[in-house]
Amino acid sequence: EKRKEQSLYLKEKLQGAEGVEILESINGSTYWRFNIFLEKYRDELFLYLIGKKYKVSSWYHSIDLLFEKRESLYTPNSDWAGESVINIWVNEDVDKRYLDKISSDIVNFLGKKKC
């Protein structure tokens, strides 16, 4: 429940942020991390957030890479997610103050880039 609450809070803070896409969670789904997707500047933003010691990752790879030869499959949605995602911790390790700070840093970083 805490992860869901924190995810909804982050969604509110980042809604409308320059260059950020937030996908709607399916009702009843389990919140592990809060995901944002960026067409531009994902790697730069990720390194910026890591440099500020935020709990984030960019890990998401297509499951086909584990089970199939890549050239035999076309997986544009999984490829897009893997190339554009930043996962933000929303568990009990973080609080609203932390979420305020990271969301502000994301908005400011992207605002300077003029996505």
N, C-alpha and C. Protein backbone atom coordinates (compact mmCIF):
# COMPACT_ATOMS: atom_id res chain seq x y z
N GLU A 1 0.81 -1.20 0.00
CA GLU A 1 0.00 0.00 0.00
C GLU A 1 0.86 1.27 0.00
N LYS A 2 1.97 1.24 0.74
CA LYS A 2 2.87 2.41 0.79
C LYS A 2 3.43 2.72 -0.59
N ARG A 3 3.82 1.67 -1.32
CA ARG A 3 4.37 1.89 -2.66
C ARG A 3 3.34 2.53 -3.59
N LYS A 4 2.12 2.07 -3.48
CA LYS A 4 1.05 2.64 -4.32
C LYS A 4 0.85 4.11 -3.96
N GLU A 5 0.77 4.41 -2.68
CA GLU A 5 0.59 5.79 -2.22
C GLU A 5 1.73 6.68 -2.70
N GLN A 6 2.95 6.20 -2.57
CA GLN A 6 4.12 6.98 -2.99
C GLN A 6 4.14 7.15 -4.51
N SER A 7 3.73 6.11 -5.24
CA SER A 7 3.67 6.19 -6.70
C SER A 7 2.65 7.22 -7.15
N LEU A 8 1.50 7.21 -6.52
CA LEU A 8 0.47 8.19 -6.88
C LEU A 8 0.93 9.62 -6.56
N TYR A 9 1.67 9.77 -5.48
CA TYR A 9 2.21 11.07 -5.12
C TYR A 9 3.22 11.55 -6.17
N LEU A 10 4.12 10.65 -6.58
CA LEU A 10 5.11 11.01 -7.61
C LEU A 10 4.43 11.32 -8.94
N LYS A 11 3.41 10.55 -9.25
CA LYS A 11 2.68 10.79 -10.50
C LYS A 11 2.13 12.21 -10.51
N GLU A 12 1.56 12.62 -9.40
CA GLU A 12 1.02 13.97 -9.28
C GLU A 12 2.13 15.02 -9.43
N LYS A 13 3.29 14.77 -8.82
CA LYS A 13 4.40 15.72 -8.87
C LYS A 13 5.01 15.83 -10.27
N LEU A 14 5.00 14.73 -11.02
CA LEU A 14 5.68 14.72 -12.32
C LEU A 14 4.73 14.85 -13.51
N GLN A 15 3.42 14.84 -13.24
CA GLN A 15 2.44 14.99 -14.32
C GLN A 15 2.70 16.29 -15.06
N GLY A 16 2.85 16.21 -16.35
CA GLY A 16 3.09 17.40 -17.15
C GLY A 16 4.53 17.86 -17.21
N ALA A 17 5.44 17.12 -16.56
CA ALA A 17 6.86 17.49 -16.62
C ALA A 17 7.36 17.35 -18.05
N GLU A 18 8.18 18.28 -18.45
CA GLU A 18 8.73 18.35 -19.80
C GLU A 18 9.39 17.03 -20.22
N GLY A 19 8.85 16.37 -21.25
CA GLY A 19 9.49 15.19 -21.81
C GLY A 19 9.26 13.89 -21.06
N VAL A 20 8.43 13.90 -20.00
CA VAL A 20 8.21 12.71 -19.19
C VAL A 20 6.88 12.07 -19.57
N GLU A 21 6.91 10.77 -19.81
CA GLU A 21 5.69 10.02 -20.03
C GLU A 21 5.49 9.08 -18.85
N ILE A 22 4.27 9.05 -18.35
CA ILE A 22 3.92 8.18 -17.24
C ILE A 22 2.79 7.28 -17.72
N LEU A 23 2.99 5.98 -17.64
CA LEU A 23 1.95 5.05 -18.06
C LEU A 23 1.03 4.76 -16.88
N GLU A 24 -0.24 4.62 -17.17
CA GLU A 24 -1.21 4.29 -16.13
C GLU A 24 -1.04 2.84 -15.70
N SER A 25 -1.06 2.62 -14.41
CA SER A 25 -0.99 1.26 -13.88
C SER A 25 -2.36 0.60 -14.00
N ILE A 26 -2.34 -0.67 -14.22
CA ILE A 26 -3.58 -1.44 -14.30
C ILE A 26 -4.13 -1.56 -12.88
N ASN A 27 -5.42 -1.36 -12.73
CA ASN A 27 -6.05 -1.45 -11.42
C ASN A 27 -5.73 -2.79 -10.77
N GLY A 28 -5.24 -2.75 -9.54
CA GLY A 28 -4.90 -3.96 -8.82
C GLY A 28 -3.47 -4.43 -9.02
N SER A 29 -2.71 -3.72 -9.85
CA SER A 29 -1.33 -4.14 -10.08
C SER A 29 -0.46 -3.82 -8.87
N THR A 30 0.65 -4.53 -8.76
CA THR A 30 1.58 -4.34 -7.65
C THR A 30 2.62 -3.30 -8.03
N TYR A 31 2.83 -2.36 -7.14
CA TYR A 31 3.82 -1.31 -7.38
C TYR A 31 5.17 -1.77 -6.84
N TRP A 32 6.14 -1.87 -7.71
CA TRP A 32 7.49 -2.22 -7.30
C TRP A 32 8.37 -0.97 -7.33
N ARG A 33 8.37 -0.31 -8.46
CA ARG A 33 9.05 0.96 -8.66
C ARG A 33 8.09 1.87 -9.43
N PHE A 34 8.33 3.17 -9.33
CA PHE A 34 7.57 4.11 -10.15
C PHE A 34 8.40 4.35 -11.40
N ASN A 35 7.79 4.18 -12.55
CA ASN A 35 8.51 4.28 -13.82
C ASN A 35 8.16 5.56 -14.56
N ILE A 36 9.19 6.23 -15.03
CA ILE A 36 8.99 7.33 -15.97
C ILE A 36 9.71 6.96 -17.25
N PHE A 37 9.21 7.47 -18.35
CA PHE A 37 9.78 7.17 -19.66
C PHE A 37 10.13 8.48 -20.34
N LEU A 38 11.32 8.51 -20.94
CA LEU A 38 11.81 9.73 -21.59
C LEU A 38 12.34 9.39 -22.97
N GLU A 39 11.85 10.09 -23.97
CA GLU A 39 12.36 9.91 -25.33
C GLU A 39 13.75 10.52 -25.48
N LYS A 40 14.00 11.60 -24.73
CA LYS A 40 15.28 12.30 -24.80
C LYS A 40 15.88 12.39 -23.41
N TYR A 41 17.17 12.41 -23.36
CA TYR A 41 17.94 12.70 -22.14
C TYR A 41 17.80 11.66 -21.03
N ARG A 42 17.31 10.47 -21.34
CA ARG A 42 17.16 9.45 -20.31
C ARG A 42 18.50 9.15 -19.64
N ASP A 43 19.53 8.87 -20.42
CA ASP A 43 20.82 8.50 -19.85
C ASP A 43 21.44 9.66 -19.07
N GLU A 44 21.33 10.86 -19.60
CA GLU A 44 21.86 12.04 -18.89
C GLU A 44 21.14 12.25 -17.56
N LEU A 45 19.82 12.15 -17.58
CA LEU A 45 19.05 12.32 -16.35
C LEU A 45 19.38 11.22 -15.36
N PHE A 46 19.50 10.00 -15.84
CA PHE A 46 19.82 8.88 -14.97
C PHE A 46 21.17 9.11 -14.26
N LEU A 47 22.18 9.49 -15.02
CA LEU A 47 23.50 9.74 -14.42
C LEU A 47 23.45 10.92 -13.44
N TYR A 48 22.68 11.94 -13.77
CA TYR A 48 22.50 13.08 -12.87
C TYR A 48 21.88 12.62 -11.54
N LEU A 49 20.83 11.81 -11.62
CA LEU A 49 20.15 11.34 -10.41
C LEU A 49 21.05 10.41 -9.59
N ILE A 50 21.79 9.54 -10.26
CA ILE A 50 22.74 8.65 -9.57
C ILE A 50 23.81 9.50 -8.88
N GLY A 51 24.28 10.53 -9.55
CA GLY A 51 25.29 11.42 -8.98
C GLY A 51 24.80 12.13 -7.72
N LYS A 52 23.49 12.33 -7.64
CA LYS A 52 22.90 12.96 -6.46
C LYS A 52 22.48 11.91 -5.42
N LYS A 53 22.87 10.66 -5.66
CA LYS A 53 22.64 9.55 -4.72
C LYS A 53 21.17 9.14 -4.59
N TYR A 54 20.37 9.40 -5.62
CA TYR A 54 18.99 8.94 -5.60
C TYR A 54 18.92 7.44 -5.87
N LYS A 55 17.88 6.83 -5.37
CA LYS A 55 17.66 5.39 -5.58
C LYS A 55 16.85 5.22 -6.86
N VAL A 56 17.58 5.03 -7.95
CA VAL A 56 16.97 4.87 -9.27
C VAL A 56 17.71 3.77 -10.02
N SER A 57 17.05 3.25 -11.04
CA SER A 57 17.71 2.31 -11.95
C SER A 57 17.15 2.56 -13.35
N SER A 58 17.81 2.00 -14.33
CA SER A 58 17.31 2.09 -15.71
C SER A 58 17.18 0.69 -16.30
N TRP A 59 17.04 -0.25 -15.43
CA TRP A 59 17.01 -1.64 -15.85
C TRP A 59 15.63 -2.07 -16.31
N TYR A 60 15.54 -2.47 -17.54
CA TYR A 60 14.34 -3.08 -18.10
C TYR A 60 14.77 -3.63 -19.45
N HIS A 61 14.79 -4.92 -19.56
CA HIS A 61 15.14 -5.47 -20.88
C HIS A 61 14.05 -6.42 -21.35
N SER A 62 13.98 -6.56 -22.64
CA SER A 62 12.98 -7.43 -23.24
C SER A 62 13.21 -8.86 -22.80
N ILE A 63 12.16 -9.52 -22.41
CA ILE A 63 12.29 -10.91 -21.97
C ILE A 63 12.78 -11.81 -23.11
N ASP A 64 12.54 -11.38 -24.35
CA ASP A 64 12.98 -12.18 -25.49
C ASP A 64 14.50 -12.35 -25.49
N LEU A 65 15.21 -11.41 -24.89
CA LEU A 65 16.67 -11.53 -24.85
C LEU A 65 17.12 -12.73 -24.03
N LEU A 66 16.27 -13.19 -23.13
CA LEU A 66 16.60 -14.35 -22.30
C LEU A 66 16.26 -15.67 -22.97
N PHE A 67 15.29 -15.65 -23.88
CA PHE A 67 14.78 -16.91 -24.41
C PHE A 67 14.85 -17.10 -25.91
N GLU A 68 15.06 -16.05 -26.65
CA GLU A 68 15.01 -16.16 -28.11
C GLU A 68 16.24 -15.51 -28.75
N LYS A 69 16.46 -15.89 -29.99
CA LYS A 69 17.46 -15.18 -30.78
C LYS A 69 16.84 -13.87 -31.22
N ARG A 70 17.52 -12.81 -30.95
CA ARG A 70 16.99 -11.47 -31.14
C ARG A 70 16.51 -11.20 -32.57
N GLU A 71 17.21 -11.68 -33.53
CA GLU A 71 16.86 -11.35 -34.91
C GLU A 71 15.53 -11.98 -35.36
N SER A 72 15.01 -12.94 -34.59
CA SER A 72 13.78 -13.59 -35.00
C SER A 72 12.53 -12.92 -34.42
N LEU A 73 12.70 -11.92 -33.59
CA LEU A 73 11.55 -11.28 -32.96
C LEU A 73 11.54 -9.77 -33.19
N TYR A 74 10.35 -9.23 -33.23
CA TYR A 74 10.16 -7.79 -33.33
C TYR A 74 9.41 -7.37 -32.08
N THR A 75 10.07 -6.62 -31.21
CA THR A 75 9.48 -6.26 -29.92
C THR A 75 9.61 -4.74 -29.67
N PRO A 76 8.92 -3.94 -30.44
CA PRO A 76 9.09 -2.49 -30.32
C PRO A 76 8.69 -1.92 -28.96
N ASN A 77 7.66 -2.46 -28.34
CA ASN A 77 7.23 -1.93 -27.05
C ASN A 77 8.25 -2.22 -25.96
N SER A 78 8.75 -3.44 -25.92
CA SER A 78 9.78 -3.78 -24.93
C SER A 78 11.07 -3.02 -25.19
N ASP A 79 11.42 -2.86 -26.44
CA ASP A 79 12.62 -2.11 -26.78
C ASP A 79 12.48 -0.65 -26.34
N TRP A 80 11.31 -0.06 -26.60
CA TRP A 80 11.06 1.32 -26.20
C TRP A 80 11.18 1.46 -24.68
N ALA A 81 10.57 0.55 -23.94
CA ALA A 81 10.64 0.62 -22.48
C ALA A 81 12.08 0.52 -22.00
N GLY A 82 12.83 -0.41 -22.55
CA GLY A 82 14.21 -0.60 -22.13
C GLY A 82 15.11 0.59 -22.43
N GLU A 83 14.80 1.31 -23.49
CA GLU A 83 15.64 2.45 -23.89
C GLU A 83 15.22 3.76 -23.23
N SER A 84 14.03 3.81 -22.63
CA SER A 84 13.54 5.09 -22.15
C SER A 84 13.14 5.13 -20.67
N VAL A 85 13.22 4.02 -19.96
CA VAL A 85 12.72 3.96 -18.58
C VAL A 85 13.74 4.43 -17.54
N ILE A 86 13.23 5.08 -16.52
CA ILE A 86 13.95 5.28 -15.26
C ILE A 86 13.01 4.81 -14.17
N ASN A 87 13.50 3.89 -13.33
CA ASN A 87 12.73 3.34 -12.22
C ASN A 87 13.09 4.10 -10.95
N ILE A 88 12.10 4.58 -10.25
CA ILE A 88 12.32 5.35 -9.02
C ILE A 88 11.78 4.55 -7.83
N TRP A 89 12.60 4.42 -6.81
CA TRP A 89 12.19 3.69 -5.61
C TRP A 89 11.00 4.39 -4.96
N VAL A 90 10.01 3.60 -4.53
CA VAL A 90 8.85 4.14 -3.81
C VAL A 90 8.54 3.30 -2.57
N ASN A 91 9.51 2.53 -2.12
CA ASN A 91 9.27 1.67 -0.97
C ASN A 91 9.47 2.44 0.34
N GLU A 92 9.56 1.70 1.43
CA GLU A 92 9.69 2.33 2.76
C GLU A 92 11.05 2.98 2.99
N ASP A 93 11.99 2.82 2.06
CA ASP A 93 13.29 3.49 2.16
C ASP A 93 13.20 4.98 1.87
N VAL A 94 12.10 5.42 1.28
CA VAL A 94 11.95 6.82 0.91
C VAL A 94 10.69 7.41 1.55
N ASP A 95 10.68 8.73 1.68
CA ASP A 95 9.52 9.41 2.24
C ASP A 95 9.09 10.55 1.32
N LYS A 96 8.06 11.28 1.71
CA LYS A 96 7.53 12.36 0.86
C LYS A 96 8.57 13.45 0.62
N ARG A 97 9.37 13.74 1.62
CA ARG A 97 10.41 14.75 1.44
C ARG A 97 11.39 14.34 0.32
N TYR A 98 11.77 13.07 0.34
CA TYR A 98 12.64 12.51 -0.70
C TYR A 98 11.95 12.62 -2.06
N LEU A 99 10.67 12.25 -2.12
CA LEU A 99 9.93 12.30 -3.38
C LEU A 99 9.79 13.73 -3.88
N ASP A 100 9.60 14.68 -2.97
CA ASP A 100 9.56 16.09 -3.36
C ASP A 100 10.88 16.52 -3.99
N LYS A 101 11.96 16.09 -3.36
CA LYS A 101 13.30 16.49 -3.82
C LYS A 101 13.62 15.88 -5.20
N ILE A 102 13.40 14.58 -5.35
CA ILE A 102 13.74 13.94 -6.63
C ILE A 102 12.84 14.46 -7.74
N SER A 103 11.56 14.66 -7.47
CA SER A 103 10.68 15.15 -8.53
C SER A 103 11.07 16.58 -8.93
N SER A 104 11.44 17.40 -7.97
CA SER A 104 11.89 18.75 -8.27
C SER A 104 13.17 18.73 -9.10
N ASP A 105 14.11 17.86 -8.76
CA ASP A 105 15.35 17.75 -9.52
C ASP A 105 15.09 17.26 -10.94
N ILE A 106 14.15 16.34 -11.11
CA ILE A 106 13.82 15.85 -12.45
C ILE A 106 13.23 16.98 -13.28
N VAL A 107 12.25 17.67 -12.73
CA VAL A 107 11.58 18.77 -13.45
C VAL A 107 12.60 19.86 -13.81
N ASN A 108 13.44 20.23 -12.87
CA ASN A 108 14.45 21.27 -13.14
C ASN A 108 15.45 20.83 -14.19
N PHE A 109 15.94 19.60 -14.10
CA PHE A 109 16.89 19.09 -15.08
C PHE A 109 16.30 19.13 -16.48
N LEU A 110 15.10 18.61 -16.63
CA LEU A 110 14.48 18.55 -17.95
C LEU A 110 14.07 19.93 -18.45
N GLY A 111 13.69 20.81 -17.54
CA GLY A 111 13.36 22.18 -17.93
C GLY A 111 14.54 22.90 -18.54
N LYS A 112 15.73 22.63 -17.99
CA LYS A 112 16.94 23.24 -18.54
C LYS A 112 17.28 22.68 -19.90
N LYS A 113 16.89 21.44 -20.16
CA LYS A 113 17.16 20.80 -21.45
C LYS A 113 16.15 21.21 -22.51
N LYS A 114 15.02 21.72 -22.10
CA LYS A 114 13.94 22.12 -23.03
C LYS A 114 13.56 20.96 -23.94
N CYS A 115 13.15 19.87 -23.31
CA CYS A 115 12.75 18.67 -24.06
C CYS A 115 11.74 19.04 -25.12
